[in-house]
C-alpha atoms as a PDB file:
ATOM      1  CA  UNK A   1      15.748  -0.865  -5.905  1.00  0.00           C
ATOM      2  CA  UNK A   2      19.082  -1.638  -7.515  1.00  0.00           C
ATOM      3  CA  UNK A   3      22.302  -2.514  -5.630  1.00  0.00           C
ATOM      4  CA  UNK A   4      23.867   0.850  -7.250  1.00  0.00           C
ATOM      5  CA  UNK A   5      20.845   3.162  -6.721  1.00  0.00           C
ATOM      6  CA  UNK A   6      20.982   1.731  -2.787  1.00  0.00           C
ATOM      7  CA  UNK A   7      24.548   2.545  -2.440  1.00  0.00           C
ATOM      8  CA  UNK A   8      23.894   6.180  -3.017  1.00  0.00           C
ATOM      9  CA  UNK A   9      21.206   6.590  -0.963  1.00  0.00           C
ATOM     10  CA  UNK A  10      23.236   5.451   1.453  1.00  0.00           C
ATOM     11  CA  UNK A  11      26.292   7.589   0.727  1.00  0.00           C
ATOM     12  CA  UNK A  12      24.403  10.712   0.281  1.00  0.00           C
ATOM     13  CA  UNK A  13      22.316   9.626   3.438  1.00  0.00           C
ATOM     14  CA  UNK A  14      25.864   9.616   5.680  1.00  0.00           C
ATOM     15  CA  UNK A  15      27.048  12.938   3.904  1.00  0.00           C
ATOM     16  CA  UNK A  16      24.553  14.448   4.989  1.00  0.00           C
ATOM     17  CA  UNK A  17      24.154  13.210   8.382  1.00  0.00           C
ATOM     18  CA  UNK A  18      27.903  14.335   8.809  1.00  0.00           C
ATOM     19  CA  UNK A  19      26.678  17.770   7.266  1.00  0.00           C
ATOM     20  CA  UNK A  20      22.983  18.399   7.482  1.00  0.00           C
ATOM     21  CA  UNK A  21      23.580  21.855   5.697  1.00  0.00           C
ATOM     22  CA  UNK A  22      25.249  21.208   2.441  1.00  0.00           C
ATOM     23  CA  UNK A  23      22.539  21.339  -0.720  1.00  0.00           C
ATOM     24  CA  UNK A  24      21.716  18.919  -3.230  1.00  0.00           C
ATOM     25  CA  UNK A  25      24.814  20.082  -5.626  1.00  0.00           C
ATOM     26  CA  UNK A  26      27.393  20.062  -2.991  1.00  0.00           C
ATOM     27  CA  UNK A  27      26.612  16.319  -1.807  1.00  0.00           C
ATOM     28  CA  UNK A  28      25.740  15.145  -5.976  1.00  0.00           C
ATOM     29  CA  UNK A  29      28.780  16.333  -6.985  1.00  0.00           C
ATOM     30  CA  UNK A  30      31.054  14.686  -4.363  1.00  0.00           C
ATOM     31  CA  UNK A  31      29.122  11.433  -5.418  1.00  0.00           C
ATOM     32  CA  UNK A  32      29.607  12.136  -8.885  1.00  0.00           C
ATOM     33  CA  UNK A  33      25.427  12.751  -9.479  1.00  0.00           C
ATOM     34  CA  UNK A  34      23.880  14.399 -11.947  1.00  0.00           C
ATOM     35  CA  UNK A  35      21.413  17.496 -10.854  1.00  0.00           C
ATOM     36  CA  UNK A  36      18.128  14.681 -11.676  1.00  0.00           C
ATOM     37  CA  UNK A  37      19.359  11.492  -9.985  1.00  0.00           C
ATOM     38  CA  UNK A  38      20.245  13.872  -6.758  1.00  0.00           C
ATOM     39  CA  UNK A  39      16.676  15.102  -6.854  1.00  0.00           C
ATOM     40  CA  UNK A  40      15.226  11.245  -6.658  1.00  0.00           C
ATOM     41  CA  UNK A  41      17.761  10.478  -4.033  1.00  0.00           C
ATOM     42  CA  UNK A  42      17.011  13.348  -1.928  1.00  0.00           C
ATOM     43  CA  UNK A  43      13.273  12.674  -2.546  1.00  0.00           C
ATOM     44  CA  UNK A  44      13.962   8.703  -1.383  1.00  0.00           C
ATOM     45  CA  UNK A  45      15.451   9.940   1.822  1.00  0.00           C
ATOM     46  CA  UNK A  46      12.012  12.189   2.024  1.00  0.00           C
ATOM     47  CA  UNK A  47       9.864   9.128   1.865  1.00  0.00           C
ATOM     48  CA  UNK A  48      11.858   6.645   3.935  1.00  0.00           C
ATOM     49  CA  UNK A  49      11.534   9.224   6.843  1.00  0.00           C
ATOM     50  CA  UNK A  50      15.554  10.169   7.167  1.00  0.00           C
ATOM     51  CA  UNK A  51      15.047  14.002   5.727  1.00  0.00           C
ATOM     52  CA  UNK A  52      12.249  15.988   7.553  1.00  0.00           C
ATOM     53  CA  UNK A  53      11.622  19.594   7.201  1.00  0.00           C
ATOM     54  CA  UNK A  54      13.178  21.095   9.816  1.00  0.00           C
ATOM     55  CA  UNK A  55      11.572  25.181  10.795  1.00  0.00           C
ATOM     56  CA  UNK A  56      14.582  25.875  13.030  1.00  0.00           C
ATOM     57  CA  UNK A  57      17.409  24.610  10.663  1.00  0.00           C
ATOM     58  CA  UNK A  58      18.916  27.014   8.521  1.00  0.00           C
ATOM     59  CA  UNK A  59      18.848  24.561   5.870  1.00  0.00           C
ATOM     60  CA  UNK A  60      15.523  24.001   5.904  1.00  0.00           C
ATOM     61  CA  UNK A  61      15.511  20.180   6.758  1.00  0.00           C
ATOM     62  CA  UNK A  62      17.087  17.644   9.285  1.00  0.00           C
ATOM     63  CA  UNK A  63      18.504  14.504   9.008  1.00  0.00           C
ATOM     64  CA  UNK A  64      16.740  11.194  11.233  1.00  0.00           C
ATOM     65  CA  UNK A  65      18.859   8.818  12.584  1.00  0.00           C
ATOM     66  CA  UNK A  66      17.012   4.871  10.884  1.00  0.00           C
ATOM     67  CA  UNK A  67      15.613   4.732  14.442  1.00  0.00           C
ATOM     68  CA  UNK A  68      13.751   7.955  14.570  1.00  0.00           C
ATOM     69  CA  UNK A  69      13.116   7.249  11.164  1.00  0.00           C
ATOM     70  CA  UNK A  70      11.297   3.849  11.065  1.00  0.00           C
ATOM     71  CA  UNK A  71       9.474   5.411  14.560  1.00  0.00           C
ATOM     72  CA  UNK A  72       8.074   8.580  12.127  1.00  0.00           C
ATOM     73  CA  UNK A  73       6.625   5.888   9.846  1.00  0.00           C
ATOM     74  CA  UNK A  74       5.034   3.378  12.380  1.00  0.00           C
ATOM     75  CA  UNK A  75       3.167   6.717  13.746  1.00  0.00           C
ATOM     76  CA  UNK A  76       2.152   7.740  10.641  1.00  0.00           C
ATOM     77  CA  UNK A  77       0.892   4.230   9.480  1.00  0.00           C
ATOM     78  CA  UNK A  78      -1.163   3.820  13.109  1.00  0.00           C
ATOM     79  CA  UNK A  79      -2.440   7.437  12.355  1.00  0.00           C
ATOM     80  CA  UNK A  80      -3.784   6.460   8.972  1.00  0.00           C
ATOM     81  CA  UNK A  81      -5.309   2.702  10.878  1.00  0.00           C
ATOM     82  CA  UNK A  82      -7.017   5.037  13.476  1.00  0.00           C
ATOM     83  CA  UNK A  83      -8.544   7.466  10.757  1.00  0.00           C
ATOM     84  CA  UNK A  84      -9.413   4.350   8.455  1.00  0.00           C
ATOM     85  CA  UNK A  85     -11.109   2.673  11.109  1.00  0.00           C
ATOM     86  CA  UNK A  86     -12.463   5.939  13.269  1.00  0.00           C
ATOM     87  CA  UNK A  87     -14.222   6.059   9.176  1.00  0.00           C
ATOM     88  CA  UNK A  88     -15.498   2.954   9.064  1.00  0.00           C
ATOM     89  CA  UNK A  89     -16.841   3.164  12.435  1.00  0.00           C
ATOM     90  CA  UNK A  90     -19.238   5.892  11.263  1.00  0.00           C
ATOM     91  CA  UNK A  91     -19.722   3.780   8.462  1.00  0.00           C
ATOM     92  CA  UNK A  92     -21.113   0.637  10.085  1.00  0.00           C
ATOM     93  CA  UNK A  93     -23.489   2.470  12.359  1.00  0.00           C
ATOM     94  CA  UNK A  94     -25.122   4.545   9.617  1.00  0.00           C
ATOM     95  CA  UNK A  95     -25.296   1.472   7.865  1.00  0.00           C
ATOM     96  CA  UNK A  96     -27.064  -0.106  10.582  1.00  0.00           C
ATOM     97  CA  UNK A  97     -30.170   2.449  10.560  1.00  0.00           C
ATOM     98  CA  UNK A  98     -30.251   2.643   6.963  1.00  0.00           C
ATOM     99  CA  UNK A  99     -30.761  -1.288   6.522  1.00  0.00           C
ATOM    100  CA  UNK A 100     -32.986  -1.062   9.739  1.00  0.00           C
ATOM    101  CA  UNK A 101     -35.070   1.925   9.057  1.00  0.00           C
ATOM    102  CA  UNK A 102     -34.805   2.413   5.213  1.00  0.00           C
ATOM    103  CA  UNK A 103     -38.093   1.559   2.841  1.00  0.00           C
ATOM    104  CA  UNK A 104     -38.358   1.494  -0.448  1.00  0.00           C
ATOM    105  CA  UNK A 105     -37.463   4.101  -2.643  1.00  0.00           C
ATOM    106  CA  UNK A 106     -39.498   4.270  -5.958  1.00  0.00           C
ATOM    107  CA  UNK A 107     -39.937   0.366  -6.895  1.00  0.00           C
ATOM    108  CA  UNK A 108     -36.020  -0.127  -5.553  1.00  0.00           C
ATOM    109  CA  UNK A 109     -34.548  -0.370  -2.148  1.00  0.00           C
ATOM    110  CA  UNK A 110     -31.670   2.640  -0.869  1.00  0.00           C
ATOM    111  CA  UNK A 111     -29.797  -0.367   0.920  1.00  0.00           C
ATOM    112  CA  UNK A 112     -30.372  -4.048  -1.103  1.00  0.00           C
ATOM    113  CA  UNK A 113     -28.620  -6.947   1.008  1.00  0.00           C
ATOM    114  CA  UNK A 114     -26.980  -9.488  -2.024  1.00  0.00           C
ATOM    115  CA  UNK A 115     -26.264 -12.987  -1.068  1.00  0.00           C
ATOM    116  CA  UNK A 116     -24.414 -15.203  -3.157  1.00  0.00           C
ATOM    117  CA  UNK A 117     -21.497 -15.193  -6.089  1.00  0.00           C
ATOM    118  CA  UNK A 118     -23.755 -15.238  -8.767  1.00  0.00           C
ATOM    119  CA  UNK A 119     -26.506 -12.195  -7.333  1.00  0.00           C
ATOM    120  CA  UNK A 120     -23.319 -10.404  -6.276  1.00  0.00           C
ATOM    121  CA  UNK A 121     -21.702 -11.201  -9.546  1.00  0.00           C
ATOM    122  CA  UNK A 122     -25.143  -9.770 -11.502  1.00  0.00           C
ATOM    123  CA  UNK A 123     -25.508  -7.113  -9.112  1.00  0.00           C
ATOM    124  CA  UNK A 124     -21.692  -6.031 -10.195  1.00  0.00           C
ATOM    125  CA  UNK A 125     -22.628  -6.424 -14.286  1.00  0.00           C
ATOM    126  CA  UNK A 126     -25.560  -4.052 -13.698  1.00  0.00           C
ATOM    127  CA  UNK A 127     -24.031  -1.144 -11.735  1.00  0.00           C
ATOM    128  CA  UNK A 128     -20.895  -1.184 -14.243  1.00  0.00           C
ATOM    129  CA  UNK A 129     -23.689  -0.738 -17.032  1.00  0.00           C
ATOM    130  CA  UNK A 130     -24.710   2.399 -14.982  1.00  0.00           C
ATOM    131  CA  UNK A 131     -21.285   4.090 -15.504  1.00  0.00           C
ATOM    132  CA  UNK A 132     -20.860   7.562 -16.856  1.00  0.00           C
ATOM    133  CA  UNK A 133     -17.657   8.763 -15.486  1.00  0.00           C
ATOM    134  CA  UNK A 134     -16.040   6.410 -13.235  1.00  0.00           C
ATOM    135  CA  UNK A 135     -15.748   3.036 -11.760  1.00  0.00           C
ATOM    136  CA  UNK A 136     -13.730   3.231  -8.913  1.00  0.00           C
ATOM    137  CA  UNK A 137     -12.823  -0.067  -6.884  1.00  0.00           C
ATOM    138  CA  UNK A 138     -10.523  -1.380  -3.783  1.00  0.00           C
ATOM    139  CA  UNK A 139      -9.565  -5.054  -3.297  1.00  0.00           C
ATOM    140  CA  UNK A 140      -8.463  -5.684   0.219  1.00  0.00           C
ATOM    141  CA  UNK A 141      -7.531  -9.310   1.152  1.00  0.00           C
ATOM    142  CA  UNK A 142      -6.313 -12.514  -0.790  1.00  0.00           C
ATOM    143  CA  UNK A 143      -6.285 -12.787  -4.736  1.00  0.00           C
ATOM    144  CA  UNK A 144      -9.540 -13.454  -6.051  1.00  0.00           C
ATOM    145  CA  UNK A 145     -10.548 -16.641  -7.702  1.00  0.00           C
ATOM    146  CA  UNK A 146      -9.503 -17.319 -11.728  1.00  0.00           C
ATOM    147  CA  UNK A 147     -12.970 -16.873 -12.425  1.00  0.00           C
ATOM    148  CA  UNK A 148     -13.492 -13.710 -10.330  1.00  0.00           C
ATOM    149  CA  UNK A 149     -10.965 -12.356 -11.724  1.00  0.00           C
ATOM    150  CA  UNK A 150     -12.070 -12.477 -15.663  1.00  0.00           C
ATOM    151  CA  UNK A 151     -15.315 -11.688 -14.792  1.00  0.00           C
ATOM    152  CA  UNK A 152     -13.311  -8.029 -12.939  1.00  0.00           C
ATOM    153  CA  UNK A 153     -11.286  -8.134 -16.328  1.00  0.00           C
ATOM    154  CA  UNK A 154     -14.597  -7.902 -18.528  1.00  0.00           C
ATOM    155  CA  UNK A 155     -16.059  -5.707 -16.307  1.00  0.00           C
ATOM    156  CA  UNK A 156     -13.562  -3.271 -16.554  1.00  0.00           C
ATOM    157  CA  UNK A 157     -13.005  -3.373 -20.181  1.00  0.00           C
ATOM    158  CA  UNK A 158     -16.710  -2.701 -20.937  1.00  0.00           C
ATOM    159  CA  UNK A 159     -16.630   0.261 -18.844  1.00  0.00           C
ATOM    160  CA  UNK A 160     -13.403   1.382 -20.224  1.00  0.00           C
ATOM    161  CA  UNK A 161     -14.902   1.070 -24.189  1.00  0.00           C
ATOM    162  CA  UNK A 162     -17.950   3.252 -23.099  1.00  0.00           C
ATOM    163  CA  UNK A 163     -15.063   6.154 -21.928  1.00  0.00           C
ATOM    164  CA  UNK A 164     -15.469   6.284 -18.450  1.00  0.00           C
ATOM    165  CA  UNK A 165     -12.401   5.620 -16.253  1.00  0.00           C
ATOM    166  CA  UNK A 166     -11.606   2.537 -13.868  1.00  0.00           C
ATOM    167  CA  UNK A 167      -9.505   3.034 -10.976  1.00  0.00           C
ATOM    168  CA  UNK A 168      -8.452   0.267  -8.953  1.00  0.00           C
ATOM    169  CA  UNK A 169      -6.486  -0.092  -5.184  1.00  0.00           C
ATOM    170  CA  UNK A 170      -5.080  -3.810  -4.264  1.00  0.00           C
ATOM    171  CA  UNK A 171      -3.343  -5.293  -1.096  1.00  0.00           C
ATOM    172  CA  UNK A 172       0.781  -4.623  -1.533  1.00  0.00           C
ATOM    173  CA  UNK A 173       0.657  -8.166  -0.017  1.00  0.00           C
ATOM    174  CA  UNK A 174      -1.243  -9.929  -3.155  1.00  0.00           C
ATOM    175  CA  UNK A 175       1.649  -9.110  -5.401  1.00  0.00           C
ATOM    176  CA  UNK A 176       3.600 -11.500  -4.371  1.00  0.00           C
ATOM    177  CA  UNK A 177       1.724 -14.440  -6.173  1.00  0.00           C
ATOM    178  CA  UNK A 178       2.198 -14.159 -10.207  1.00  0.00           C
ATOM    179  CA  UNK A 179      -1.484 -14.612 -10.851  1.00  0.00           C
ATOM    180  CA  UNK A 180      -2.460 -11.245  -9.039  1.00  0.00           C
ATOM    181  CA  UNK A 181       1.197  -9.779 -10.733  1.00  0.00           C
ATOM    182  CA  UNK A 182      -0.515 -10.913 -14.097  1.00  0.00           C
ATOM    183  CA  UNK A 183      -3.737  -9.749 -13.855  1.00  0.00           C
ATOM    184  CA  UNK A 184      -2.740  -6.112 -12.687  1.00  0.00           C
ATOM    185  CA  UNK A 185      -0.481  -6.216 -15.482  1.00  0.00           C
ATOM    186  CA  UNK A 186      -3.465  -6.880 -17.996  1.00  0.00           C
ATOM    187  CA  UNK A 187      -5.737  -4.399 -16.462  1.00  0.00           C
ATOM    188  CA  UNK A 188      -3.009  -1.289 -16.708  1.00  0.00           C
ATOM    189  CA  UNK A 189      -2.864  -2.414 -20.091  1.00  0.00           C
ATOM    190  CA  UNK A 190      -6.760  -2.605 -20.772  1.00  0.00           C
ATOM    191  CA  UNK A 191      -6.340   1.417 -18.953  1.00  0.00           C
ATOM    192  CA  UNK A 192      -7.316   0.560 -15.862  1.00  0.00           C
ATOM    193  CA  UNK A 193      -5.708   2.946 -12.780  1.00  0.00           C
ATOM    194  CA  UNK A 194      -4.356   0.828 -10.567  1.00  0.00           C
ATOM    195  CA  UNK A 195      -2.550   1.415  -7.372  1.00  0.00           C
ATOM    196  CA  UNK A 196      -1.588  -0.996  -4.035  1.00  0.00           C
ATOM    197  CA  UNK A 197      -1.399  -0.335  -0.498  1.00  0.00           C
ATOM    198  CA  UNK A 198      -0.263  -2.177   2.767  1.00  0.00           C
ATOM    199  CA  UNK A 199      -3.837  -1.731   4.659  1.00  0.00           C
ATOM    200  CA  UNK A 200      -7.013  -1.185   2.906  1.00  0.00           C
ATOM    201  CA  UNK A 201     -10.411  -1.171   5.066  1.00  0.00           C
ATOM    202  CA  UNK A 202     -13.388  -2.664   3.259  1.00  0.00           C
ATOM    203  CA  UNK A 203     -13.824  -4.656  -0.458  1.00  0.00           C
ATOM    204  CA  UNK A 204     -15.927  -2.047  -2.239  1.00  0.00           C
ATOM    205  CA  UNK A 205     -16.978  -0.846  -5.790  1.00  0.00           C
ATOM    206  CA  UNK A 206     -18.336   2.319  -6.503  1.00  0.00           C
ATOM    207  CA  UNK A 207     -20.033   4.003  -9.805  1.00  0.00           C
ATOM    208  CA  UNK A 208     -20.095   7.318 -10.004  1.00  0.00           C
ATOM    209  CA  UNK A 209     -22.256   9.106  -7.442  1.00  0.00           C
ATOM    210  CA  UNK A 210     -24.737   6.465  -8.205  1.00  0.00           C
ATOM    211  CA  UNK A 211     -24.662   3.068  -6.767  1.00  0.00           C
ATOM    212  CA  UNK A 212     -21.571   1.531  -4.612  1.00  0.00           C
ATOM    213  CA  UNK A 213     -21.540  -2.626  -3.857  1.00  0.00           C
ATOM    214  CA  UNK A 214     -20.045  -2.978  -0.359  1.00  0.00           C
ATOM    215  CA  UNK A 215     -18.851  -6.390   0.541  1.00  0.00           C
ATOM    216  CA  UNK A 216     -19.744  -7.958   4.111  1.00  0.00           C
ATOM    217  CA  UNK A 217     -16.112  -9.536   5.499  1.00  0.00           C
ATOM    218  CA  UNK A 218     -15.875 -13.750   5.465  1.00  0.00           C
ATOM    219  CA  UNK A 219     -18.896 -13.965   3.513  1.00  0.00           C
ATOM    220  CA  UNK A 220     -20.783 -14.278   0.623  1.00  0.00           C
ATOM    221  CA  UNK A 221     -22.703 -11.253   0.647  1.00  0.00           C
ATOM    222  CA  UNK A 222     -23.002  -7.713  -0.412  1.00  0.00           C
ATOM    223  CA  UNK A 223     -24.530  -4.783   0.222  1.00  0.00           C
ATOM    224  CA  UNK A 224     -25.634  -2.537  -2.816  1.00  0.00           C
ATOM    225  CA  UNK A 225     -26.654   1.155  -1.886  1.00  0.00           C
ATOM    226  CA  UNK A 226     -28.268   3.538  -3.819  1.00  0.00           C
ATOM    227  CA  UNK A 227     -28.325   6.639  -0.962  1.00  0.00           C
ATOM    228  CA  UNK A 228     -26.366   9.548  -2.279  1.00  0.00           C
ATOM    229  CA  UNK A 229     -25.554  10.938   1.548  1.00  0.00           C
ATOM    230  CA  UNK A 230     -23.452   7.156   1.781  1.00  0.00           C
ATOM    231  CA  UNK A 231     -22.143   6.872  -1.139  1.00  0.00           C
ATOM    232  CA  UNK A 232     -20.487  10.383  -0.765  1.00  0.00           C
ATOM    233  CA  UNK A 233     -19.084   8.739   2.951  1.00  0.00           C
ATOM    234  CA  UNK A 234     -17.835   5.538   0.525  1.00  0.00           C
ATOM    235  CA  UNK A 235     -15.914   8.321  -2.149  1.00  0.00           C
ATOM    236  CA  UNK A 236     -14.380  10.265   0.792  1.00  0.00           C
ATOM    237  CA  UNK A 237     -13.331   6.531   2.060  1.00  0.00           C
ATOM    238  CA  UNK A 238     -11.942   5.452  -1.524  1.00  0.00           C
ATOM    239  CA  UNK A 239     -10.246   9.057  -2.247  1.00  0.00           C
ATOM    240  CA  UNK A 240      -8.183   8.659   0.959  1.00  0.00           C
ATOM    241  CA  UNK A 241      -7.249   5.149  -0.045  1.00  0.00           C
ATOM    242  CA  UNK A 242      -6.358   6.426  -3.309  1.00  0.00           C
ATOM    243  CA  UNK A 243      -4.004   9.289  -2.306  1.00  0.00           C
ATOM    244  CA  UNK A 244      -2.622   7.244   0.427  1.00  0.00           C
ATOM    245  CA  UNK A 245      -1.529   4.488  -1.588  1.00  0.00           C
ATOM    246  CA  UNK A 246       1.161   3.747  -4.375  1.00  0.00           C
ATOM    247  CA  UNK A 247       2.125   2.455  -7.999  1.00  0.00           C
ATOM    248  CA  UNK A 248       2.359  -1.230  -7.933  1.00  0.00           C
ATOM    249  CA  UNK A 249       6.041  -1.787  -7.907  1.00  0.00           C
ATOM    250  CA  UNK A 250       7.363  -3.088 -10.789  1.00  0.00           C
ATOM    251  CA  UNK A 251      11.078  -4.099 -10.122  1.00  0.00           C
ATOM    252  CA  UNK A 252      12.212  -7.812  -9.162  1.00  0.00           C
ATOM    253  CA  UNK A 253      13.556  -6.082  -5.761  1.00  0.00           C
ATOM    254  CA  UNK A 254      10.386  -5.135  -5.035  1.00  0.00           C
ATOM    255  CA  UNK A 255       8.536  -8.091  -5.038  1.00  0.00           C
ATOM    256  CA  UNK A 256       8.500 -11.192  -3.152  1.00  0.00           C
ATOM    257  CA  UNK A 257       8.098 -13.977  -5.312  1.00  0.00           C
ATOM    258  CA  UNK A 258       8.649 -17.267  -4.892  1.00  0.00           C
ATOM    259  CA  UNK A 259      12.437 -16.944  -4.660  1.00  0.00           C
ATOM    260  CA  UNK A 260      12.272 -13.916  -2.580  1.00  0.00           C
ATOM    261  CA  UNK A 261       9.461 -15.171   0.182  1.00  0.00           C
ATOM    262  CA  UNK A 262       8.557 -12.847   2.635  1.00  0.00           C
ATOM    263  CA  UNK A 263      10.148 -13.950   5.963  1.00  0.00           C
ATOM    264  CA  UNK A 264       8.474 -15.704   9.003  1.00  0.00           C
ATOM    265  CA  UNK A 265       8.316 -15.779  12.648  1.00  0.00           C
ATOM    266  CA  UNK A 266      11.772 -15.245  14.628  1.00  0.00           C
ATOM    267  CA  UNK A 267      13.353 -13.894  11.594  1.00  0.00           C
ATOM    268  CA  UNK A 268      10.853 -11.735  11.016  1.00  0.00           C
ATOM    269  CA  UNK A 269      11.134  -9.983  14.053  1.00  0.00           C
ATOM    270  CA  UNK A 270      14.254  -9.862  13.844  1.00  0.00           C
ATOM    271  CA  UNK A 271      13.982  -8.173  10.689  1.00  0.00           C
ATOM    272  CA  UNK A 272      11.957  -5.678  12.167  1.00  0.00           C
ATOM    273  CA  UNK A 273      14.589  -4.911  14.700  1.00  0.00           C
ATOM    274  CA  UNK A 274      17.131  -4.619  12.352  1.00  0.00           C
ATOM    275  CA  UNK A 275      15.319  -2.450   9.949  1.00  0.00           C
ATOM    276  CA  UNK A 276      14.625  -0.165  13.840  1.00  0.00           C
ATOM    277  CA  UNK A 277      18.753   0.285  13.828  1.00  0.00           C
ATOM    278  CA  UNK A 278      19.232  -2.133  16.612  1.00  0.00           C
ATOM    279  CA  UNK A 279      22.543  -4.173  17.070  1.00  0.00           C
ATOM    280  CA  UNK A 280      23.101  -7.747  16.969  1.00  0.00           C
ATOM    281  CA  UNK A 281      23.668  -7.867  21.027  1.00  0.00           C
ATOM    282  CA  UNK A 282      20.415  -6.129  21.431  1.00  0.00           C
ATOM    283  CA  UNK A 283      18.504  -7.896  19.086  1.00  0.00           C
ATOM    284  CA  UNK A 284      19.903 -11.147  20.318  1.00  0.00           C
ATOM    285  CA  UNK A 285      18.838  -9.592  24.750  1.00  0.00           C
ATOM    286  CA  UNK A 286      15.025  -8.959  23.774  1.00  0.00           C
ATOM    287  CA  UNK A 287      14.523 -11.782  21.864  1.00  0.00           C
ATOM    288  CA  UNK A 288      15.842 -14.650  23.727  1.00  0.00           C
ATOM    289  CA  UNK A 289      18.551 -16.355  22.002  1.00  0.00           C
ATOM    290  CA  UNK A 290      22.103 -15.779  21.412  1.00  0.00           C
ATOM    291  CA  UNK A 291      23.885 -13.427  19.589  1.00  0.00           C
ATOM    292  CA  UNK A 292      25.516 -15.291  17.425  1.00  0.00           C
ATOM    293  CA  UNK A 293      22.192 -16.976  15.898  1.00  0.00           C
ATOM    294  CA  UNK A 294      21.458 -13.012  15.665  1.00  0.00           C
ATOM    295  CA  UNK A 295      24.330 -12.666  13.194  1.00  0.00           C
ATOM    296  CA  UNK A 296      23.562 -15.986  11.127  1.00  0.00           C
ATOM    297  CA  UNK A 297      20.053 -14.986  10.937  1.00  0.00           C
ATOM    298  CA  UNK A 298      21.504 -11.435   9.865  1.00  0.00           C
ATOM    299  CA  UNK A 299      23.340 -12.770   7.161  1.00  0.00           C
ATOM    300  CA  UNK A 300      20.513 -15.162   5.953  1.00  0.00           C
ATOM    301  CA  UNK A 301      18.327 -12.122   5.317  1.00  0.00           C
ATOM    302  CA  UNK A 302      21.413  -9.729   3.886  1.00  0.00           C
ATOM    303  CA  UNK A 303      21.522 -12.272   1.135  1.00  0.00           C
ATOM    304  CA  UNK A 304      18.491 -13.041   0.716  1.00  0.00           C
ATOM    305  CA  UNK A 305      17.853  -9.606   0.105  1.00  0.00           C
ATOM    306  CA  UNK A 306      21.161  -9.395  -2.126  1.00  0.00           C
ATOM    307  CA  UNK A 307      21.939  -6.872   0.124  1.00  0.00           C
ATOM    308  CA  UNK A 308      25.557  -5.124   0.606  1.00  0.00           C
ATOM    309  CA  UNK A 309      25.043  -4.176   4.326  1.00  0.00           C
ATOM    310  CA  UNK A 310      22.210  -4.048   7.332  1.00  0.00           C
ATOM    311  CA  UNK A 311      20.947  -0.994   5.908  1.00  0.00           C
ATOM    312  CA  UNK A 312      20.407  -1.726   2.708  1.00  0.00           C
ATOM    313  CA  UNK A 313      18.675  -5.041   4.236  1.00  0.00           C
ATOM    314  CA  UNK A 314      16.679  -2.411   6.369  1.00  0.00           C
ATOM    315  CA  UNK A 315      15.729  -0.261   3.181  1.00  0.00           C
ATOM    316  CA  UNK A 316      15.159  -3.178   0.698  1.00  0.00           C
ATOM    317  CA  UNK A 317      12.767  -5.047   3.344  1.00  0.00           C
ATOM    318  CA  UNK A 318      10.430  -1.670   4.383  1.00  0.00           C
ATOM    319  CA  UNK A 319      10.328  -1.348   0.327  1.00  0.00           C
ATOM    320  CA  UNK A 320       9.015  -5.178  -0.324  1.00  0.00           C
ATOM    321  CA  UNK A 321       6.397  -4.057   2.897  1.00  0.00           C
ATOM    322  CA  UNK A 322       7.981  -6.882   4.861  1.00  0.00           C
ATOM    323  CA  UNK A 323       8.302  -4.315   7.759  1.00  0.00           C
ATOM    324  CA  UNK A 324       5.545  -1.757   8.873  1.00  0.00           C
END
């Protein structure tokens, strides 16, 4: 996010905080923004939760404090996590039943356990050859090895060459690594639709409504699923993940690279409290250090983000995925 845009965002927010009944045109005109720029700024405030719909306000909108907006965003993420957790628990129960009780369907099992990366890659290639409409994938956790990355790219290229589509969702944190950003750029150049999300429930490859390859966490094991009802459940999980994910950021202000590393430890906690709107004194009392220490570390955070104020630092940190 460019500094000029952040400044416009802050100024727009402050004017609305003074009088939420003002319309876009008057606020935008006062700030020297075009109609299109005003719409972009207002939509950004809505996305950050600083401007929400209100049936009791004559304008239909209410302005929230950064503290209230942060609480709403945290609760929204908690609700999403609870939804996905419930889906995964249900899916795990179904998988347990299917693995234990399903017999061979024709010549192939409806649930087949595959162990070892060589066999898993072969199963993925077999699934890719069946693709007629779409391959949909979810990639949580750390970036794969260069060998796996190249194999995924070749598989996606083959699927696209046969006229099918490919959608892929990656974990936002992996974008801090240059090789992951390069991989996503290569995939997008091929025609893969790429998105990112802060939290992903499982590693998954779906081919049409025919087959799914679901990876077992922390194990070189996967389940090849050919059971229609279970594939339908996995499809619902993927579509939920897709609709709640975002296009990958491209601006250098949006990606935490080696020069813009995610804070850790006490500095990360200070940043979270800063984004919640707490004062230096309040943060010092909560953490148990001196106000002088908090001010020094806050200044370092603002400098690291190249922000002009605490407000801008909070917005940039949120966009970088440093604070939830």
